Protein backbone atom coordinates (compact mmCIF):
# COMPACT_ATOMS: atom_id res chain seq x y z
CA MET A 1 47.97 223.28 86.79
CA GLN A 2 50.26 221.33 84.74
CA GLU A 3 49.12 217.81 83.79
CA LYS A 4 50.84 215.20 85.96
CA ARG A 5 48.43 212.43 85.93
CA LYS A 6 49.33 209.00 84.41
CA GLU A 7 45.59 208.22 84.03
CA LYS A 8 43.01 210.01 81.92
CA ARG A 9 41.04 212.66 83.76
CA ILE A 10 37.24 212.42 83.80
CA PRO A 11 35.63 215.89 84.20
CA ILE A 12 33.09 215.85 87.03
CA ASN A 13 31.35 218.25 89.27
CA ILE A 14 30.57 216.94 92.69
CA GLN A 15 30.96 218.38 96.20
CA LEU A 16 32.81 216.95 99.22
CA SER A 17 33.64 218.19 102.42
CA VAL A 18 36.78 217.91 104.45
CA SER A 19 36.57 218.32 108.17
CA ASP A 20 39.94 216.58 109.32
CA LEU A 21 43.27 216.28 107.63
CA TYR A 22 46.02 213.90 108.93
CA THR A 23 49.46 212.50 108.23
CA GLY A 24 51.27 209.33 108.69
CA ASP A 25 52.95 210.43 111.72
CA ALA A 26 49.70 211.17 113.53
CA SER A 27 49.69 215.04 113.04
CA THR A 28 46.06 216.23 112.58
CA ILE A 29 44.30 219.31 111.60
CA SER A 30 40.69 219.35 112.85
CA ASP A 31 37.43 221.17 112.20
CA ILE A 32 38.22 222.51 108.78
CA SER A 33 34.58 222.12 107.64
CA SER A 34 35.43 223.51 104.24
CA PRO A 35 33.56 222.51 100.97
CA ILE A 36 35.46 221.26 98.10
CA GLU A 37 34.37 220.89 94.54
CA VAL A 38 35.81 217.96 92.64
CA THR A 39 36.63 218.98 89.10
CA ASP A 40 37.95 215.79 87.80
CA ILE A 41 38.76 212.14 88.79
CA SER A 42 40.94 209.34 87.34
CA ALA A 43 41.98 205.87 88.44
CA LYS A 44 44.87 207.54 90.45
CA GLY A 45 43.22 210.53 92.16
CA ILE A 46 41.12 213.57 92.02
CA GLY A 47 41.52 217.37 91.22
CA PHE A 48 39.52 219.88 93.14
CA ILE A 49 39.17 223.62 94.13
CA SER A 50 38.49 225.11 97.45
CA GLU A 51 38.74 228.26 99.40
CA ALA A 52 40.67 226.31 102.12
CA VAL A 53 44.39 226.48 102.45
CA LEU A 54 45.22 222.71 102.66
CA PRO A 55 48.77 221.51 103.28
CA VAL A 56 50.53 219.25 100.78
CA GLY A 57 51.30 215.83 102.09
CA PHE A 58 48.22 215.60 104.41
CA LEU A 59 45.62 213.08 103.89
CA PHE A 60 41.76 212.89 104.17
CA ILE A 61 39.05 210.43 103.71
CA ALA A 62 36.93 211.03 100.71
CA ASN A 63 33.36 209.59 100.11
CA ILE A 64 32.96 210.06 96.38
CA GLU A 65 29.55 209.48 94.75
CA LEU A 66 29.89 209.50 91.05
CA ASP A 67 26.09 208.89 90.57
CA LYS A 68 23.20 207.34 92.24
CA GLU A 69 23.52 204.08 90.45
CA LEU A 70 27.12 203.36 91.57
CA PRO A 71 28.49 202.59 95.05
CA GLN A 72 30.31 205.35 96.83
CA ILE A 73 34.15 205.27 96.67
CA ILE A 74 35.57 205.63 100.16
CA THR A 75 39.34 206.03 100.17
CA ASP A 76 42.26 207.93 101.63
CA VAL A 77 43.39 210.74 99.58
CA ARG A 78 46.81 212.50 99.83
CA ILE A 79 47.18 216.19 98.73
CA ILE A 80 50.17 216.32 96.34
CA ARG A 81 49.86 219.68 94.61
CA SER A 82 48.55 223.01 95.55
CA LEU A 83 48.07 226.24 93.42
CA ALA A 84 46.51 229.58 94.11
CA ILE A 85 44.31 230.33 91.17
CA GLY A 86 42.91 233.76 92.07
CA GLY A 87 41.41 235.51 95.03
CA ASN A 88 40.89 232.97 97.70
CA ILE A 89 40.46 229.96 95.53
CA TYR A 90 43.03 227.13 95.47
CA GLN A 91 43.44 224.26 93.08
CA TYR A 92 44.61 220.92 94.39
CA GLY A 93 45.91 217.57 92.93
CA CYS A 94 45.43 214.48 95.04
CA GLU A 95 46.33 210.82 94.77
CA PHE A 96 44.26 207.85 96.08
CA VAL A 97 46.44 206.17 98.64
CA SER A 98 45.00 202.85 97.78
CA ILE A 99 42.18 201.96 95.44
CA SER A 100 40.94 198.41 94.59
CA PRO A 101 40.78 197.02 90.93
CA ARG A 102 36.92 197.02 91.41
CA VAL A 103 36.90 200.75 91.86
CA SER A 104 39.36 201.27 88.99
CA LYS A 105 36.89 199.28 86.81
CA MET A 106 34.07 201.22 88.10
CA LEU A 107 35.86 204.56 86.95
CA ASP A 108 36.46 202.98 83.54
CA ASP A 109 32.81 202.13 83.27
CA PHE A 110 31.75 205.53 84.36
CA GLU A 111 33.89 207.14 81.77
CA ASN A 112 32.64 204.87 78.99
CA ARG A 113 29.00 205.65 80.07
CA LEU A 114 29.67 209.48 79.88
CA LYS A 115 31.30 209.05 76.27
CA ALA A 116 28.20 207.20 75.22
CA GLU A 117 25.79 210.07 76.41
């Protein structure tokens, strides 16, 4: 997928699950129950892969735990890109709908800690 992020991506390998998707006009898709593997995160969004076909423009609530020592990031995420990458695997680009300056700082601190290791 072509680089589109304005912020530096932090490689990460965490699992999330998506059960419901929604849009601003109250359209919903329920009972997806598809695991996703987050491959990277930035101050603006996440990248992930999944076997599920998820529609661009839909949102979901993400509970992201970077590690046990940091609080979870709970935020709405909008799917902005989708690409079939082989077989039944899809790569997605998502943006955080709203993220606080505190969470942005936490991501910066997490990246700095990874660099130091």
